[in-house]
Amino acid sequence: MPGVEEVKLHIAASVDDAEHAVVGMRAVVERLEETLNRLRVATAGSVHPRVADAIGHVEQAKQKVEEAQTLTLAGIQAAQSYHAVI
């Protein structure tokens, strides 16, 4: 069984990894926002169902990434809290 210091080191490394993942997710959200803006500009006035599908799918993807960000941040907070009490 690992000692407390080793556990703390692994928790800190996990938090660092998760923080890097959040940064990556922020970049993904920004790219998806750019994608949505371009799609909306390029398809302005179109009523084709594929346009609505494209925009809807990208919006859903953006929402899921934002949800993943929120969950990851909650995980970071919980891990940091645990790290502080051990």
PDB file of N, CA and C in Angstrom:
ATOM      1  N   MET A   1       0.840  -1.171   0.000  1.00  0.00           N
ATOM      2  CA  MET A   1       0.000   0.000   0.000  1.00  0.00           C
ATOM      3  C   MET A   1       0.889   1.239   0.000  1.00  0.00           C
ATOM      4  N   PRO A   2       0.597   2.201  -0.904  1.00  0.00           N
ATOM      5  CA  PRO A   2       1.436   3.405  -0.970  1.00  0.00           C
ATOM      6  C   PRO A   2       1.253   4.286   0.256  1.00  0.00           C
ATOM      7  N   GLY A   3       2.298   5.012   0.581  1.00  0.00           N
ATOM      8  CA  GLY A   3       2.240   5.939   1.705  1.00  0.00           C
ATOM      9  C   GLY A   3       1.465   7.197   1.354  1.00  0.00           C
ATOM     10  N   VAL A   4       1.181   7.990   2.353  1.00  0.00           N
ATOM     11  CA  VAL A   4       0.385   9.210   2.176  1.00  0.00           C
ATOM     12  C   VAL A   4       1.047  10.161   1.180  1.00  0.00           C
ATOM     13  N   GLU A   5       2.338  10.335   1.291  1.00  0.00           N
ATOM     14  CA  GLU A   5       3.036  11.266   0.386  1.00  0.00           C
ATOM     15  C   GLU A   5       2.947  10.803  -1.066  1.00  0.00           C
ATOM     16  N   GLU A   6       3.058   9.503  -1.262  1.00  0.00           N
ATOM     17  CA  GLU A   6       2.944   8.974  -2.626  1.00  0.00           C
ATOM     18  C   GLU A   6       1.532   9.184  -3.164  1.00  0.00           C
ATOM     19  N   VAL A   7       0.535   8.959  -2.324  1.00  0.00           N
ATOM     20  CA  VAL A   7      -0.856   9.190  -2.731  1.00  0.00           C
ATOM     21  C   VAL A   7      -1.051  10.662  -3.094  1.00  0.00           C
ATOM     22  N   LYS A   8      -0.502  11.550  -2.265  1.00  0.00           N
ATOM     23  CA  LYS A   8      -0.620  12.981  -2.538  1.00  0.00           C
ATOM     24  C   LYS A   8       0.031  13.352  -3.874  1.00  0.00           C
ATOM     25  N   LEU A   9       1.177  12.753  -4.152  1.00  0.00           N
ATOM     26  CA  LEU A   9       1.854  13.020  -5.429  1.00  0.00           C
ATOM     27  C   LEU A   9       0.994  12.575  -6.610  1.00  0.00           C
ATOM     28  N   HIS A  10       0.380  11.417  -6.500  1.00  0.00           N
ATOM     29  CA  HIS A  10      -0.473  10.909  -7.579  1.00  0.00           C
ATOM     30  C   HIS A  10      -1.731  11.754  -7.742  1.00  0.00           C
ATOM     31  N   ILE A  11      -2.287  12.204  -6.640  1.00  0.00           N
ATOM     32  CA  ILE A  11      -3.467  13.077  -6.721  1.00  0.00           C
ATOM     33  C   ILE A  11      -3.087  14.393  -7.397  1.00  0.00           C
ATOM     34  N   ALA A  12      -1.970  14.970  -7.000  1.00  0.00           N
ATOM     35  CA  ALA A  12      -1.517  16.223  -7.605  1.00  0.00           C
ATOM     36  C   ALA A  12      -1.275  16.057  -9.101  1.00  0.00           C
ATOM     37  N   ALA A  13      -0.681  14.948  -9.483  1.00  0.00           N
ATOM     38  CA  ALA A  13      -0.444  14.689 -10.904  1.00  0.00           C
ATOM     39  C   ALA A  13      -1.765  14.515 -11.653  1.00  0.00           C
ATOM     40  N   SER A  14      -2.714  13.860 -11.012  1.00  0.00           N
ATOM     41  CA  SER A  14      -4.027  13.674 -11.630  1.00  0.00           C
ATOM     42  C   SER A  14      -4.732  15.013 -11.814  1.00  0.00           C
ATOM     43  N   VAL A  15      -4.635  15.869 -10.812  1.00  0.00           N
ATOM     44  CA  VAL A  15      -5.228  17.205 -10.913  1.00  0.00           C
ATOM     45  C   VAL A  15      -4.581  17.981 -12.054  1.00  0.00           C
ATOM     46  N   ASP A  16      -3.266  17.888 -12.156  1.00  0.00           N
ATOM     47  CA  ASP A  16      -2.550  18.568 -13.242  1.00  0.00           C
ATOM     48  C   ASP A  16      -3.022  18.060 -14.604  1.00  0.00           C
ATOM     49  N   ASP A  17      -3.163  16.752 -14.732  1.00  0.00           N
ATOM     50  CA  ASP A  17      -3.653  16.173 -15.986  1.00  0.00           C
ATOM     51  C   ASP A  17      -5.053  16.679 -16.311  1.00  0.00           C
ATOM     52  N   ALA A  18      -5.908  16.700 -15.302  1.00  0.00           N
ATOM     53  CA  ALA A  18      -7.287  17.145 -15.507  1.00  0.00           C
ATOM     54  C   ALA A  18      -7.331  18.629 -15.888  1.00  0.00           C
ATOM     55  N   GLU A  19      -6.482  19.433 -15.261  1.00  0.00           N
ATOM     56  CA  GLU A  19      -6.431  20.859 -15.607  1.00  0.00           C
ATOM     57  C   GLU A  19      -5.998  21.063 -17.054  1.00  0.00           C
ATOM     58  N   HIS A  20      -5.058  20.274 -17.520  1.00  0.00           N
ATOM     59  CA  HIS A  20      -4.647  20.342 -18.920  1.00  0.00           C
ATOM     60  C   HIS A  20      -5.801  19.929 -19.837  1.00  0.00           C
ATOM     61  N   ALA A  21      -6.548  18.938 -19.424  1.00  0.00           N
ATOM     62  CA  ALA A  21      -7.701  18.503 -20.209  1.00  0.00           C
ATOM     63  C   ALA A  21      -8.742  19.616 -20.308  1.00  0.00           C
ATOM     64  N   VAL A  22      -8.957  20.342 -19.214  1.00  0.00           N
ATOM     65  CA  VAL A  22      -9.924  21.453 -19.223  1.00  0.00           C
ATOM     66  C   VAL A  22      -9.473  22.529 -20.206  1.00  0.00           C
ATOM     67  N   VAL A  23      -8.185  22.820 -20.228  1.00  0.00           N
ATOM     68  CA  VAL A  23      -7.660  23.798 -21.181  1.00  0.00           C
ATOM     69  C   VAL A  23      -7.943  23.332 -22.611  1.00  0.00           C
ATOM     70  N   GLY A  24      -7.713  22.055 -22.871  1.00  0.00           N
ATOM     71  CA  GLY A  24      -8.001  21.507 -24.195  1.00  0.00           C
ATOM     72  C   GLY A  24      -9.479  21.595 -24.534  1.00  0.00           C
ATOM     73  N   MET A  25     -10.329  21.339 -23.552  1.00  0.00           N
ATOM     74  CA  MET A  25     -11.774  21.415 -23.788  1.00  0.00           C
ATOM     75  C   MET A  25     -12.192  22.849 -24.096  1.00  0.00           C
ATOM     76  N   ARG A  26     -11.573  23.815 -23.429  1.00  0.00           N
ATOM     77  CA  ARG A  26     -11.877  25.225 -23.722  1.00  0.00           C
ATOM     78  C   ARG A  26     -11.563  25.531 -25.186  1.00  0.00           C
ATOM     79  N   ALA A  27     -10.451  25.027 -25.657  1.00  0.00           N
ATOM     80  CA  ALA A  27     -10.077  25.235 -27.056  1.00  0.00           C
ATOM     81  C   ALA A  27     -11.093  24.582 -27.985  1.00  0.00           C
ATOM     82  N   VAL A  28     -11.567  23.404 -27.628  1.00  0.00           N
ATOM     83  CA  VAL A  28     -12.568  22.716 -28.446  1.00  0.00           C
ATOM     84  C   VAL A  28     -13.857  23.528 -28.480  1.00  0.00           C
ATOM     85  N   VAL A  29     -14.281  24.041 -27.340  1.00  0.00           N
ATOM     86  CA  VAL A  29     -15.509  24.849 -27.295  1.00  0.00           C
ATOM     87  C   VAL A  29     -15.354  26.078 -28.191  1.00  0.00           C
ATOM     88  N   GLU A  30     -14.220  26.728 -28.132  1.00  0.00           N
ATOM     89  CA  GLU A  30     -13.984  27.902 -28.978  1.00  0.00           C
ATOM     90  C   GLU A  30     -14.047  27.543 -30.457  1.00  0.00           C
ATOM     91  N   ARG A  31     -13.450  26.416 -30.828  1.00  0.00           N
ATOM     92  CA  ARG A  31     -13.492  25.987 -32.235  1.00  0.00           C
ATOM     93  C   ARG A  31     -14.908  25.658 -32.675  1.00  0.00           C
ATOM     94  N   LEU A  32     -15.677  25.036 -31.788  1.00  0.00           N
ATOM     95  CA  LEU A  32     -17.066  24.710 -32.125  1.00  0.00           C
ATOM     96  C   LEU A  32     -17.901  25.984 -32.256  1.00  0.00           C
ATOM     97  N   GLU A  33     -17.630  26.987 -31.428  1.00  0.00           N
ATOM     98  CA  GLU A  33     -18.318  28.267 -31.576  1.00  0.00           C
ATOM     99  C   GLU A  33     -17.994  28.914 -32.916  1.00  0.00           C
ATOM    100  N   GLU A  34     -16.719  28.852 -33.301  1.00  0.00           N
ATOM    101  CA  GLU A  34     -16.316  29.362 -34.620  1.00  0.00           C
ATOM    102  C   GLU A  34     -17.033  28.601 -35.723  1.00  0.00           C
ATOM    103  N   THR A  35     -17.116  27.294 -35.570  1.00  0.00           N
ATOM    104  CA  THR A  35     -17.800  26.466 -36.558  1.00  0.00           C
ATOM    105  C   THR A  35     -19.264  26.873 -36.688  1.00  0.00           C
ATOM    106  N   LEU A  36     -19.918  27.055 -35.544  1.00  0.00           N
ATOM    107  CA  LEU A  36     -21.330  27.461 -35.569  1.00  0.00           C
ATOM    108  C   LEU A  36     -21.505  28.820 -36.231  1.00  0.00           C
ATOM    109  N   ASN A  37     -20.635  29.763 -35.893  1.00  0.00           N
ATOM    110  CA  ASN A  37     -20.729  31.088 -36.512  1.00  0.00           C
ATOM    111  C   ASN A  37     -20.567  31.012 -38.023  1.00  0.00           C
ATOM    112  N   ARG A  38     -19.593  30.254 -38.478  1.00  0.00           N
ATOM    113  CA  ARG A  38     -19.370  30.121 -39.925  1.00  0.00           C
ATOM    114  C   ARG A  38     -20.542  29.425 -40.609  1.00  0.00           C
ATOM    115  N   LEU A  39     -21.039  28.383 -39.981  1.00  0.00           N
ATOM    116  CA  LEU A  39     -22.195  27.686 -40.552  1.00  0.00           C
ATOM    117  C   LEU A  39     -23.391  28.618 -40.672  1.00  0.00           C
ATOM    118  N   ARG A  40     -23.635  29.384 -39.622  1.00  0.00           N
ATOM    119  CA  ARG A  40     -24.783  30.299 -39.631  1.00  0.00           C
ATOM    120  C   ARG A  40     -24.633  31.385 -40.697  1.00  0.00           C
ATOM    121  N   VAL A  41     -23.443  31.916 -40.826  1.00  0.00           N
ATOM    122  CA  VAL A  41     -23.204  32.943 -41.847  1.00  0.00           C
ATOM    123  C   VAL A  41     -23.331  32.328 -43.244  1.00  0.00           C
ATOM    124  N   ALA A  42     -22.713  31.185 -43.444  1.00  0.00           N
ATOM    125  CA  ALA A  42     -22.694  30.549 -44.767  1.00  0.00           C
ATOM    126  C   ALA A  42     -24.069  30.072 -45.199  1.00  0.00           C
ATOM    127  N   THR A  43     -24.928  29.762 -44.233  1.00  0.00           N
ATOM    128  CA  THR A  43     -26.229  29.180 -44.583  1.00  0.00           C
ATOM    129  C   THR A  43     -27.393  30.112 -44.261  1.00  0.00           C
ATOM    130  N   ALA A  44     -27.092  31.380 -44.025  1.00  0.00           N
ATOM    131  CA  ALA A  44     -28.137  32.344 -43.680  1.00  0.00           C
ATOM    132  C   ALA A  44     -29.242  32.326 -44.739  1.00  0.00           C
ATOM    133  N   GLY A  45     -30.461  32.215 -44.282  1.00  0.00           N
ATOM    134  CA  GLY A  45     -31.615  32.206 -45.184  1.00  0.00           C
ATOM    135  C   GLY A  45     -31.995  30.835 -45.707  1.00  0.00           C
ATOM    136  N   SER A  46     -31.146  29.857 -45.482  1.00  0.00           N
ATOM    137  CA  SER A  46     -31.444  28.507 -45.959  1.00  0.00           C
ATOM    138  C   SER A  46     -32.440  27.830 -45.023  1.00  0.00           C
ATOM    139  N   VAL A  47     -33.361  27.101 -45.616  1.00  0.00           N
ATOM    140  CA  VAL A  47     -34.323  26.337 -44.818  1.00  0.00           C
ATOM    141  C   VAL A  47     -34.135  24.839 -45.029  1.00  0.00           C
ATOM    142  N   HIS A  48     -33.024  24.475 -45.628  1.00  0.00           N
ATOM    143  CA  HIS A  48     -32.761  23.064 -45.893  1.00  0.00           C
ATOM    144  C   HIS A  48     -32.594  22.319 -44.570  1.00  0.00           C
ATOM    145  N   PRO A  49     -33.218  21.154 -44.438  1.00  0.00           N
ATOM    146  CA  PRO A  49     -33.123  20.409 -43.178  1.00  0.00           C
ATOM    147  C   PRO A  49     -31.702  19.990 -42.805  1.00  0.00           C
ATOM    148  N   ARG A  50     -30.836  19.803 -43.777  1.00  0.00           N
ATOM    149  CA  ARG A  50     -29.453  19.415 -43.472  1.00  0.00           C
ATOM    150  C   ARG A  50     -28.706  20.542 -42.769  1.00  0.00           C
ATOM    151  N   VAL A  51     -29.081  21.784 -43.069  1.00  0.00           N
ATOM    152  CA  VAL A  51     -28.465  22.933 -42.390  1.00  0.00           C
ATOM    153  C   VAL A  51     -28.837  22.891 -40.910  1.00  0.00           C
ATOM    154  N   ALA A  52     -30.108  22.704 -40.636  1.00  0.00           N
ATOM    155  CA  ALA A  52     -30.565  22.617 -39.249  1.00  0.00           C
ATOM    156  C   ALA A  52     -29.911  21.435 -38.548  1.00  0.00           C
ATOM    157  N   ASP A  53     -29.769  20.319 -39.244  1.00  0.00           N
ATOM    158  CA  ASP A  53     -29.099  19.144 -38.664  1.00  0.00           C
ATOM    159  C   ASP A  53     -27.649  19.464 -38.311  1.00  0.00           C
ATOM    160  N   ALA A  54     -26.953  20.091 -39.237  1.00  0.00           N
ATOM    161  CA  ALA A  54     -25.541  20.406 -39.015  1.00  0.00           C
ATOM    162  C   ALA A  54     -25.380  21.315 -37.801  1.00  0.00           C
ATOM    163  N   ILE A  55     -26.163  22.373 -37.761  1.00  0.00           N
ATOM    164  CA  ILE A  55     -26.074  23.315 -36.641  1.00  0.00           C
ATOM    165  C   ILE A  55     -26.469  22.630 -35.338  1.00  0.00           C
ATOM    166  N   GLY A  56     -27.522  21.857 -35.363  1.00  0.00           N
ATOM    167  CA  GLY A  56     -27.981  21.160 -34.168  1.00  0.00           C
ATOM    168  C   GLY A  56     -26.955  20.188 -33.624  1.00  0.00           C
ATOM    169  N   HIS A  57     -26.316  19.447 -34.516  1.00  0.00           N
ATOM    170  CA  HIS A  57     -25.313  18.479 -34.068  1.00  0.00           C
ATOM    171  C   HIS A  57     -24.091  19.173 -33.470  1.00  0.00           C
ATOM    172  N   VAL A  58     -23.655  20.249 -34.090  1.00  0.00           N
ATOM    173  CA  VAL A  58     -22.493  20.975 -33.559  1.00  0.00           C
ATOM    174  C   VAL A  58     -22.849  21.619 -32.218  1.00  0.00           C
ATOM    175  N   GLU A  59     -24.063  22.159 -32.102  1.00  0.00           N
ATOM    176  CA  GLU A  59     -24.488  22.730 -30.819  1.00  0.00           C
ATOM    177  C   GLU A  59     -24.504  21.659 -29.721  1.00  0.00           C
ATOM    178  N   GLN A  60     -24.997  20.466 -30.059  1.00  0.00           N
ATOM    179  CA  GLN A  60     -25.012  19.371 -29.080  1.00  0.00           C
ATOM    180  C   GLN A  60     -23.597  18.979 -28.671  1.00  0.00           C
ATOM    181  N   ALA A  61     -22.717  18.920 -29.650  1.00  0.00           N
ATOM    182  CA  ALA A  61     -21.321  18.576 -29.350  1.00  0.00           C
ATOM    183  C   ALA A  61     -20.716  19.610 -28.406  1.00  0.00           C
ATOM    184  N   LYS A  62     -20.975  20.881 -28.680  1.00  0.00           N
ATOM    185  CA  LYS A  62     -20.458  21.959 -27.827  1.00  0.00           C
ATOM    186  C   LYS A  62     -21.006  21.825 -26.413  1.00  0.00           C
ATOM    187  N   GLN A  63     -22.291  21.546 -26.284  1.00  0.00           N
ATOM    188  CA  GLN A  63     -22.892  21.384 -24.964  1.00  0.00           C
ATOM    189  C   GLN A  63     -22.282  20.215 -24.203  1.00  0.00           C
ATOM    190  N   LYS A  64     -22.018  19.125 -24.903  1.00  0.00           N
ATOM    191  CA  LYS A  64     -21.436  17.957 -24.244  1.00  0.00           C
ATOM    192  C   LYS A  64     -20.008  18.233 -23.780  1.00  0.00           C
ATOM    193  N   VAL A  65     -19.255  18.975 -24.570  1.00  0.00           N
ATOM    194  CA  VAL A  65     -17.898  19.332 -24.153  1.00  0.00           C
ATOM    195  C   VAL A  65     -17.965  20.254 -22.935  1.00  0.00           C
ATOM    196  N   GLU A  66     -18.908  21.196 -22.950  1.00  0.00           N
ATOM    197  CA  GLU A  66     -19.066  22.079 -21.792  1.00  0.00           C
ATOM    198  C   GLU A  66     -19.473  21.282 -20.552  1.00  0.00           C
ATOM    199  N   GLU A  67     -20.318  20.292 -20.733  1.00  0.00           N
ATOM    200  CA  GLU A  67     -20.699  19.420 -19.622  1.00  0.00           C
ATOM    201  C   GLU A  67     -19.486  18.649 -19.100  1.00  0.00           C
ATOM    202  N   ALA A  68     -18.672  18.153 -20.018  1.00  0.00           N
ATOM    203  CA  ALA A  68     -17.461  17.434 -19.623  1.00  0.00           C
ATOM    204  C   ALA A  68     -16.518  18.363 -18.853  1.00  0.00           C
ATOM    205  N   GLN A  69     -16.431  19.618 -19.275  1.00  0.00           N
ATOM    206  CA  GLN A  69     -15.617  20.598 -18.559  1.00  0.00           C
ATOM    207  C   GLN A  69     -16.110  20.764 -17.124  1.00  0.00           C
ATOM    208  N   THR A  70     -17.405  20.940 -16.983  1.00  0.00           N
ATOM    209  CA  THR A  70     -18.002  21.140 -15.663  1.00  0.00           C
ATOM    210  C   THR A  70     -17.733  19.947 -14.762  1.00  0.00           C
ATOM    211  N   LEU A  71     -17.927  18.754 -15.297  1.00  0.00           N
ATOM    212  CA  LEU A  71     -17.686  17.544 -14.507  1.00  0.00           C
ATOM    213  C   LEU A  71     -16.215  17.401 -14.140  1.00  0.00           C
ATOM    214  N   THR A  72     -15.347  17.717 -15.063  1.00  0.00           N
ATOM    215  CA  THR A  72     -13.914  17.626 -14.802  1.00  0.00           C
ATOM    216  C   THR A  72     -13.499  18.620 -13.720  1.00  0.00           C
ATOM    217  N   LEU A  73     -14.024  19.839 -13.803  1.00  0.00           N
ATOM    218  CA  LEU A  73     -13.718  20.833 -12.775  1.00  0.00           C
ATOM    219  C   LEU A  73     -14.214  20.390 -11.403  1.00  0.00           C
ATOM    220  N   ALA A  74     -15.382  19.764 -11.357  1.00  0.00           N
ATOM    221  CA  ALA A  74     -15.888  19.233 -10.088  1.00  0.00           C
ATOM    222  C   ALA A  74     -14.977  18.122  -9.571  1.00  0.00           C
ATOM    223  N   GLY A  75     -14.498  17.293 -10.476  1.00  0.00           N
ATOM    224  CA  GLY A  75     -13.555  16.244 -10.089  1.00  0.00           C
ATOM    225  C   GLY A  75     -12.261  16.818  -9.553  1.00  0.00           C
ATOM    226  N   ILE A  76     -11.784  17.883 -10.164  1.00  0.00           N
ATOM    227  CA  ILE A  76     -10.565  18.552  -9.693  1.00  0.00           C
ATOM    228  C   ILE A  76     -10.773  19.076  -8.270  1.00  0.00           C
ATOM    229  N   GLN A  77     -11.892  19.730  -8.056  1.00  0.00           N
ATOM    230  CA  GLN A  77     -12.171  20.273  -6.723  1.00  0.00           C
ATOM    231  C   GLN A  77     -12.241  19.169  -5.673  1.00  0.00           C
ATOM    232  N   ALA A  78     -12.904  18.066  -6.017  1.00  0.00           N
ATOM    233  CA  ALA A  78     -13.014  16.958  -5.066  1.00  0.00           C
ATOM    234  C   ALA A  78     -11.645  16.368  -4.773  1.00  0.00           C
ATOM    235  N   ALA A  79     -10.824  16.193  -5.812  1.00  0.00           N
ATOM    236  CA  ALA A  79      -9.486  15.643  -5.615  1.00  0.00           C
ATOM    237  C   ALA A  79      -8.626  16.577  -4.766  1.00  0.00           C
ATOM    238  N   GLN A  80      -8.722  17.875  -5.021  1.00  0.00           N
ATOM    239  CA  GLN A  80      -7.956  18.839  -4.235  1.00  0.00           C
ATOM    240  C   GLN A  80      -8.410  18.843  -2.778  1.00  0.00           C
ATOM    241  N   SER A  81      -9.701  18.693  -2.574  1.00  0.00           N
ATOM    242  CA  SER A  81     -10.233  18.636  -1.216  1.00  0.00           C
ATOM    243  C   SER A  81      -9.699  17.409  -0.489  1.00  0.00           C
ATOM    244  N   TYR A  82      -9.707  16.277  -1.174  1.00  0.00           N
ATOM    245  CA  TYR A  82      -9.181  15.040  -0.582  1.00  0.00           C
ATOM    246  C   TYR A  82      -7.697  15.193  -0.272  1.00  0.00           C
ATOM    247  N   HIS A  83      -6.972  15.779  -1.222  1.00  0.00           N
ATOM    248  CA  HIS A  83      -5.537  16.006  -1.057  1.00  0.00           C
ATOM    249  C   HIS A  83      -5.261  16.826   0.204  1.00  0.00           C
ATOM    250  N   ALA A  84      -6.126  17.782   0.480  1.00  0.00           N
ATOM    251  CA  ALA A  84      -5.928  18.665   1.630  1.00  0.00           C
ATOM    252  C   ALA A  84      -6.174  17.972   2.966  1.00  0.00           C
ATOM    253  N   VAL A  85      -7.020  16.940   2.964  1.00  0.00           N
ATOM    254  CA  VAL A  85      -7.353  16.317   4.250  1.00  0.00           C
ATOM    255  C   VAL A  85      -6.521  15.084   4.578  1.00  0.00           C
ATOM    256  N   ILE A  86      -5.764  14.589   3.605  1.00  0.00           N
ATOM    257  CA  ILE A  86      -4.964  13.402   3.924  1.00  0.00           C
ATOM    258  C   ILE A  86      -3.571  13.788   4.367  1.00  0.00           C
TER     259      ILE A  86
END
